[in-house]
Amino acid sequence: MKAEELLNIIKTRRSVMPAQYSNAEISETELGLILEAANWAPTHKRTEPGRFKIISGKGLNRFSEFMLDQYKKNTPADKFSQRKSDGIAEKCRRSDKIILICAKYSGMVPEWEETASVAAAVQNMWLMCTALGIGSYWSTPGAIHNMKEFTELDENEKCIGVFYMGKISEDKATESQREPISGKTKYIHD
């Protein structure tokens, strides 16, 4: 792969919401590539803190019910939104696979370093999804703090996000803009 091709994948990576997903299935081969990309994220002292729980099939319905229950339990009646509740269910229904993004903290390095390693793993997953034509996005709902109620987590393991994935129904890539890097860079020569 040439540097320009890699830069193009990086520049075209987007958060693609489940409303843009088709009914097409993400193959085991594609899922394997996405997870293998995550596995090669940088990790200080080789603690390899990334842990990934893949939800598919009937698990998606169970996860939807869990997320809806969490929203109802943790939202005061005056703040409850039927629109948001419906949106939670829709995200789960439209996704072909959902990955719970977890970190298993070793205690060998500062916790933030292992969180950063998992974030790098998610970026690798996102880039692989982009290369494969799979839409995805990372969400951090309040329910991540209660994920032990949905699935078993090891000691010192925390869920830090939910990664929704689905094949894109059509090429709806949106343009994005960034301020020039020159305004964010300072060179120190002496």
C-alpha atoms as a PDB file:
ATOM      1  CA  MET A   1       0.000   0.000   0.000  1.00  0.00           C
ATOM      2  CA  LYS A   2       1.252   3.403  -0.876  1.00  0.00           C
ATOM      3  CA  ALA A   3       1.291   6.238   1.665  1.00  0.00           C
ATOM      4  CA  GLU A   4      -1.303   8.167  -0.357  1.00  0.00           C
ATOM      5  CA  GLU A   5      -3.731   5.206  -0.198  1.00  0.00           C
ATOM      6  CA  LEU A   6      -3.351   4.985   3.567  1.00  0.00           C
ATOM      7  CA  LEU A   7      -3.853   8.740   3.943  1.00  0.00           C
ATOM      8  CA  ASN A   8      -7.015   8.500   1.816  1.00  0.00           C
ATOM      9  CA  ILE A   9      -8.450   5.787   4.098  1.00  0.00           C
ATOM     10  CA  ILE A  10      -7.623   7.944   7.125  1.00  0.00           C
ATOM     11  CA  LYS A  11      -9.246  11.017   5.538  1.00  0.00           C
ATOM     12  CA  THR A  12     -12.416   9.150   4.515  1.00  0.00           C
ATOM     13  CA  ARG A  13     -13.000   7.473   7.899  1.00  0.00           C
ATOM     14  CA  ARG A  14     -16.363   8.663   9.236  1.00  0.00           C
ATOM     15  CA  SER A  15     -18.844   7.898  11.941  1.00  0.00           C
ATOM     16  CA  VAL A  16     -21.529   6.111   9.942  1.00  0.00           C
ATOM     17  CA  MET A  17     -24.775   5.755  11.869  1.00  0.00           C
ATOM     18  CA  PRO A  18     -26.962   2.629  11.787  1.00  0.00           C
ATOM     19  CA  ALA A  19     -29.677   4.423   9.803  1.00  0.00           C
ATOM     20  CA  GLN A  20     -27.244   4.164   6.861  1.00  0.00           C
ATOM     21  CA  TYR A  21     -26.643   0.406   7.260  1.00  0.00           C
ATOM     22  CA  SER A  22     -28.040  -2.172   4.867  1.00  0.00           C
ATOM     23  CA  ASN A  23     -29.264  -5.649   5.764  1.00  0.00           C
ATOM     24  CA  ALA A  24     -26.092  -7.211   4.339  1.00  0.00           C
ATOM     25  CA  GLU A  25     -24.091  -9.353   6.718  1.00  0.00           C
ATOM     26  CA  ILE A  26     -20.536  -8.621   7.815  1.00  0.00           C
ATOM     27  CA  SER A  27     -18.695 -11.847   7.024  1.00  0.00           C
ATOM     28  CA  GLU A  28     -16.566 -13.762   9.514  1.00  0.00           C
ATOM     29  CA  THR A  29     -13.558 -12.940   7.333  1.00  0.00           C
ATOM     30  CA  GLU A  30     -14.310  -9.213   7.499  1.00  0.00           C
ATOM     31  CA  LEU A  31     -14.916  -9.370  11.249  1.00  0.00           C
ATOM     32  CA  GLY A  32     -11.630 -11.241  11.627  1.00  0.00           C
ATOM     33  CA  LEU A  33      -9.771  -8.495   9.744  1.00  0.00           C
ATOM     34  CA  ILE A  34     -11.374  -5.805  11.913  1.00  0.00           C
ATOM     35  CA  LEU A  35     -10.417  -7.605  15.124  1.00  0.00           C
ATOM     36  CA  GLU A  36      -6.904  -8.386  13.876  1.00  0.00           C
ATOM     37  CA  ALA A  37      -6.424  -4.678  13.100  1.00  0.00           C
ATOM     38  CA  ALA A  38      -7.451  -3.918  16.698  1.00  0.00           C
ATOM     39  CA  ASN A  39      -4.986  -6.487  17.997  1.00  0.00           C
ATOM     40  CA  TRP A  40      -2.047  -4.605  16.483  1.00  0.00           C
ATOM     41  CA  ALA A  41      -2.628  -1.311  18.291  1.00  0.00           C
ATOM     42  CA  PRO A  42       0.341   0.062  20.212  1.00  0.00           C
ATOM     43  CA  THR A  43       0.533  -1.069  23.818  1.00  0.00           C
ATOM     44  CA  HIS A  44       2.989   0.096  26.482  1.00  0.00           C
ATOM     45  CA  LYS A  45       4.858  -2.771  28.148  1.00  0.00           C
ATOM     46  CA  ARG A  46       2.839  -5.159  25.957  1.00  0.00           C
ATOM     47  CA  THR A  47      -0.077  -5.218  28.382  1.00  0.00           C
ATOM     48  CA  GLU A  48      -2.493  -5.607  25.425  1.00  0.00           C
ATOM     49  CA  PRO A  49      -5.496  -4.207  27.358  1.00  0.00           C
ATOM     50  CA  GLY A  50      -8.065  -4.349  24.545  1.00  0.00           C
ATOM     51  CA  ARG A  51     -10.962  -6.724  25.097  1.00  0.00           C
ATOM     52  CA  PHE A  52     -13.815  -7.009  22.592  1.00  0.00           C
ATOM     53  CA  LYS A  53     -17.226  -8.606  23.110  1.00  0.00           C
ATOM     54  CA  ILE A  54     -18.979  -9.250  19.773  1.00  0.00           C
ATOM     55  CA  ILE A  55     -22.772  -9.101  19.802  1.00  0.00           C
ATOM     56  CA  SER A  56     -24.693 -10.565  16.863  1.00  0.00           C
ATOM     57  CA  GLY A  57     -27.796 -12.598  16.026  1.00  0.00           C
ATOM     58  CA  LYS A  58     -30.255 -12.879  18.922  1.00  0.00           C
ATOM     59  CA  GLY A  59     -27.689 -11.151  21.132  1.00  0.00           C
ATOM     60  CA  LEU A  60     -28.587  -7.902  19.349  1.00  0.00           C
ATOM     61  CA  ASN A  61     -32.183  -8.170  20.639  1.00  0.00           C
ATOM     62  CA  ARG A  62     -30.976  -8.902  24.153  1.00  0.00           C
ATOM     63  CA  PHE A  63     -28.570  -5.946  23.967  1.00  0.00           C
ATOM     64  CA  SER A  64     -31.354  -3.682  22.688  1.00  0.00           C
ATOM     65  CA  GLU A  65     -33.555  -4.692  25.613  1.00  0.00           C
ATOM     66  CA  PHE A  66     -30.686  -4.096  28.041  1.00  0.00           C
ATOM     67  CA  MET A  67     -29.944  -0.640  26.615  1.00  0.00           C
ATOM     68  CA  LEU A  68     -33.637   0.335  26.686  1.00  0.00           C
ATOM     69  CA  ASP A  69     -33.957  -0.896  30.269  1.00  0.00           C
ATOM     70  CA  GLN A  70     -30.856   1.102  31.265  1.00  0.00           C
ATOM     71  CA  TYR A  71     -32.244   4.225  29.620  1.00  0.00           C
ATOM     72  CA  LYS A  72     -35.602   3.837  31.400  1.00  0.00           C
ATOM     73  CA  LYS A  73     -34.008   3.089  34.793  1.00  0.00           C
ATOM     74  CA  ASN A  74     -31.511   5.935  34.653  1.00  0.00           C
ATOM     75  CA  THR A  75     -33.599   8.697  33.084  1.00  0.00           C
ATOM     76  CA  PRO A  76     -35.900  10.792  35.270  1.00  0.00           C
ATOM     77  CA  ALA A  77     -39.503  10.756  34.029  1.00  0.00           C
ATOM     78  CA  ASP A  78     -39.383  14.464  33.117  1.00  0.00           C
ATOM     79  CA  LYS A  79     -36.251  13.881  30.977  1.00  0.00           C
ATOM     80  CA  PHE A  80     -37.472  10.699  29.253  1.00  0.00           C
ATOM     81  CA  SER A  81     -37.715  10.992  25.469  1.00  0.00           C
ATOM     82  CA  GLN A  82     -39.641   8.439  23.446  1.00  0.00           C
ATOM     83  CA  ARG A  83     -37.647   9.579  20.411  1.00  0.00           C
ATOM     84  CA  LYS A  84     -34.367   8.750  22.166  1.00  0.00           C
ATOM     85  CA  SER A  85     -35.772   5.432  23.398  1.00  0.00           C
ATOM     86  CA  ASP A  86     -36.815   4.530  19.843  1.00  0.00           C
ATOM     87  CA  GLY A  87     -33.379   5.583  18.588  1.00  0.00           C
ATOM     88  CA  ILE A  88     -31.636   3.248  21.015  1.00  0.00           C
ATOM     89  CA  ALA A  89     -33.688   0.306  19.777  1.00  0.00           C
ATOM     90  CA  GLU A  90     -33.191   1.312  16.124  1.00  0.00           C
ATOM     91  CA  LYS A  91     -29.372   1.434  16.480  1.00  0.00           C
ATOM     92  CA  CYS A  92     -29.339  -2.135  17.742  1.00  0.00           C
ATOM     93  CA  ARG A  93     -31.843  -3.386  15.145  1.00  0.00           C
ATOM     94  CA  ARG A  94     -30.005  -1.827  12.204  1.00  0.00           C
ATOM     95  CA  SER A  95     -26.527  -3.012  13.255  1.00  0.00           C
ATOM     96  CA  ASP A  96     -25.241  -6.339  11.962  1.00  0.00           C
ATOM     97  CA  LYS A  97     -22.607  -6.568  14.691  1.00  0.00           C
ATOM     98  CA  ILE A  98     -21.972  -4.578  17.836  1.00  0.00           C
ATOM     99  CA  ILE A  99     -18.675  -4.728  19.673  1.00  0.00           C
ATOM    100  CA  LEU A 100     -18.381  -3.816  23.331  1.00  0.00           C
ATOM    101  CA  ILE A 101     -15.059  -2.022  23.646  1.00  0.00           C
ATOM    102  CA  CYS A 102     -13.432  -2.999  26.918  1.00  0.00           C
ATOM    103  CA  ALA A 103     -10.108  -2.383  28.637  1.00  0.00           C
ATOM    104  CA  LYS A 104      -8.479  -4.769  31.062  1.00  0.00           C
ATOM    105  CA  TYR A 105      -6.243  -2.670  33.286  1.00  0.00           C
ATOM    106  CA  SER A 106      -3.006  -4.373  34.309  1.00  0.00           C
ATOM    107  CA  GLY A 107      -1.781  -1.994  36.995  1.00  0.00           C
ATOM    108  CA  MET A 108       1.646  -2.091  35.304  1.00  0.00           C
ATOM    109  CA  VAL A 109       1.252   1.306  33.631  1.00  0.00           C
ATOM    110  CA  PRO A 110      -0.977   4.326  34.270  1.00  0.00           C
ATOM    111  CA  GLU A 111      -4.625   3.544  33.435  1.00  0.00           C
ATOM    112  CA  TRP A 112      -4.772   6.358  30.873  1.00  0.00           C
ATOM    113  CA  GLU A 113      -2.037   4.646  28.824  1.00  0.00           C
ATOM    114  CA  GLU A 114      -4.086   1.472  28.554  1.00  0.00           C
ATOM    115  CA  THR A 115      -7.204   3.487  27.706  1.00  0.00           C
ATOM    116  CA  ALA A 116      -5.167   5.214  24.981  1.00  0.00           C
ATOM    117  CA  SER A 117      -4.062   1.803  23.669  1.00  0.00           C
ATOM    118  CA  VAL A 118      -7.684   0.664  23.422  1.00  0.00           C
ATOM    119  CA  ALA A 119      -8.582   3.934  21.665  1.00  0.00           C
ATOM    120  CA  ALA A 120      -5.807   3.226  19.146  1.00  0.00           C
ATOM    121  CA  ALA A 121      -7.277  -0.271  18.665  1.00  0.00           C
ATOM    122  CA  VAL A 122     -10.670   1.284  17.924  1.00  0.00           C
ATOM    123  CA  GLN A 123      -9.083   3.646  15.405  1.00  0.00           C
ATOM    124  CA  ASN A 124      -7.511   0.610  13.714  1.00  0.00           C
ATOM    125  CA  MET A 125     -10.942  -1.071  13.644  1.00  0.00           C
ATOM    126  CA  TRP A 126     -12.507   2.074  12.195  1.00  0.00           C
ATOM    127  CA  LEU A 127      -9.884   2.315   9.465  1.00  0.00           C
ATOM    128  CA  MET A 128     -10.323  -1.352   8.551  1.00  0.00           C
ATOM    129  CA  CYS A 129     -14.106  -0.851   8.446  1.00  0.00           C
ATOM    130  CA  THR A 130     -13.565   2.081   6.081  1.00  0.00           C
ATOM    131  CA  ALA A 131     -11.333  -0.019   3.828  1.00  0.00           C
ATOM    132  CA  LEU A 132     -14.000  -2.784   3.791  1.00  0.00           C
ATOM    133  CA  GLY A 133     -17.001  -0.503   3.112  1.00  0.00           C
ATOM    134  CA  ILE A 134     -18.437  -1.140   6.558  1.00  0.00           C
ATOM    135  CA  GLY A 135     -20.078   1.702   8.443  1.00  0.00           C
ATOM    136  CA  SER A 136     -19.261   2.068  12.108  1.00  0.00           C
ATOM    137  CA  TYR A 137     -19.172   4.411  15.026  1.00  0.00           C
ATOM    138  CA  TRP A 138     -18.061   4.513  18.655  1.00  0.00           C
ATOM    139  CA  SER A 139     -20.677   5.464  21.233  1.00  0.00           C
ATOM    140  CA  THR A 140     -20.197   6.038  24.965  1.00  0.00           C
ATOM    141  CA  PRO A 141     -23.668   5.795  26.520  1.00  0.00           C
ATOM    142  CA  GLY A 142     -24.041   5.935  30.289  1.00  0.00           C
ATOM    143  CA  ALA A 143     -24.978   2.245  30.246  1.00  0.00           C
ATOM    144  CA  ILE A 144     -21.306   1.314  29.705  1.00  0.00           C
ATOM    145  CA  HIS A 145     -20.849   1.735  33.472  1.00  0.00           C
ATOM    146  CA  ASN A 146     -23.391  -1.043  34.061  1.00  0.00           C
ATOM    147  CA  MET A 147     -22.215  -3.484  31.394  1.00  0.00           C
ATOM    148  CA  LYS A 148     -21.564  -6.180  34.038  1.00  0.00           C
ATOM    149  CA  GLU A 149     -25.345  -6.495  34.125  1.00  0.00           C
ATOM    150  CA  PHE A 150     -25.279  -7.500  30.438  1.00  0.00           C
ATOM    151  CA  THR A 151     -22.129  -9.614  30.181  1.00  0.00           C
ATOM    152  CA  GLU A 152     -19.364 -10.960  32.328  1.00  0.00           C
ATOM    153  CA  LEU A 153     -16.299  -8.764  32.673  1.00  0.00           C
ATOM    154  CA  ASP A 154     -13.000  -9.944  34.116  1.00  0.00           C
ATOM    155  CA  GLU A 155     -11.468  -8.427  37.220  1.00  0.00           C
ATOM    156  CA  ASN A 156     -10.043  -4.974  36.388  1.00  0.00           C
ATOM    157  CA  GLU A 157     -11.965  -4.917  33.088  1.00  0.00           C
ATOM    158  CA  LYS A 158     -14.211  -1.984  32.183  1.00  0.00           C
ATOM    159  CA  CYS A 159     -16.434  -1.317  29.207  1.00  0.00           C
ATOM    160  CA  ILE A 160     -15.437   2.019  27.677  1.00  0.00           C
ATOM    161  CA  GLY A 161     -17.674   2.084  24.621  1.00  0.00           C
ATOM    162  CA  VAL A 162     -20.001   0.478  22.134  1.00  0.00           C
ATOM    163  CA  PHE A 163     -18.921   0.072  18.483  1.00  0.00           C
ATOM    164  CA  TYR A 164     -21.896  -0.255  16.115  1.00  0.00           C
ATOM    165  CA  MET A 165     -21.219  -1.790  12.665  1.00  0.00           C
ATOM    166  CA  GLY A 166     -23.110  -2.533   9.480  1.00  0.00           C
ATOM    167  CA  LYS A 167     -22.562  -2.657   5.749  1.00  0.00           C
ATOM    168  CA  ILE A 168     -23.258   0.747   4.236  1.00  0.00           C
ATOM    169  CA  SER A 169     -26.492   0.766   2.213  1.00  0.00           C
ATOM    170  CA  GLU A 170     -24.998   3.046  -0.415  1.00  0.00           C
ATOM    171  CA  ASP A 171     -22.026   5.321  -0.655  1.00  0.00           C
ATOM    172  CA  LYS A 172     -23.169   8.207   1.468  1.00  0.00           C
ATOM    173  CA  ALA A 173     -19.718   9.362   2.496  1.00  0.00           C
ATOM    174  CA  THR A 174     -19.932  12.834   3.835  1.00  0.00           C
ATOM    175  CA  GLU A 175     -17.287  15.417   3.288  1.00  0.00           C
ATOM    176  CA  SER A 176     -15.391  16.540   6.312  1.00  0.00           C
ATOM    177  CA  GLN A 177     -13.139  19.462   6.932  1.00  0.00           C
ATOM    178  CA  ARG A 178     -10.129  19.942   9.159  1.00  0.00           C
ATOM    179  CA  GLU A 179      -8.275  23.101   9.979  1.00  0.00           C
ATOM    180  CA  PRO A 180      -4.789  23.052   8.403  1.00  0.00           C
ATOM    181  CA  ILE A 181      -2.216  21.155  10.442  1.00  0.00           C
ATOM    182  CA  SER A 182       0.063  24.190  10.235  1.00  0.00           C
ATOM    183  CA  GLY A 183      -2.162  25.998  12.762  1.00  0.00           C
ATOM    184  CA  LYS A 184      -1.803  23.096  15.224  1.00  0.00           C
ATOM    185  CA  THR A 185       1.937  22.556  14.905  1.00  0.00           C
ATOM    186  CA  LYS A 186       4.900  24.279  16.499  1.00  0.00           C
ATOM    187  CA  TYR A 187       8.471  23.359  15.650  1.00  0.00           C
ATOM    188  CA  ILE A 188      11.098  23.604  18.364  1.00  0.00           C
ATOM    189  CA  HIS A 189      14.534  23.761  16.821  1.00  0.00           C
ATOM    190  CA  ASP A 190      16.664  24.886  19.802  1.00  0.00           C
END
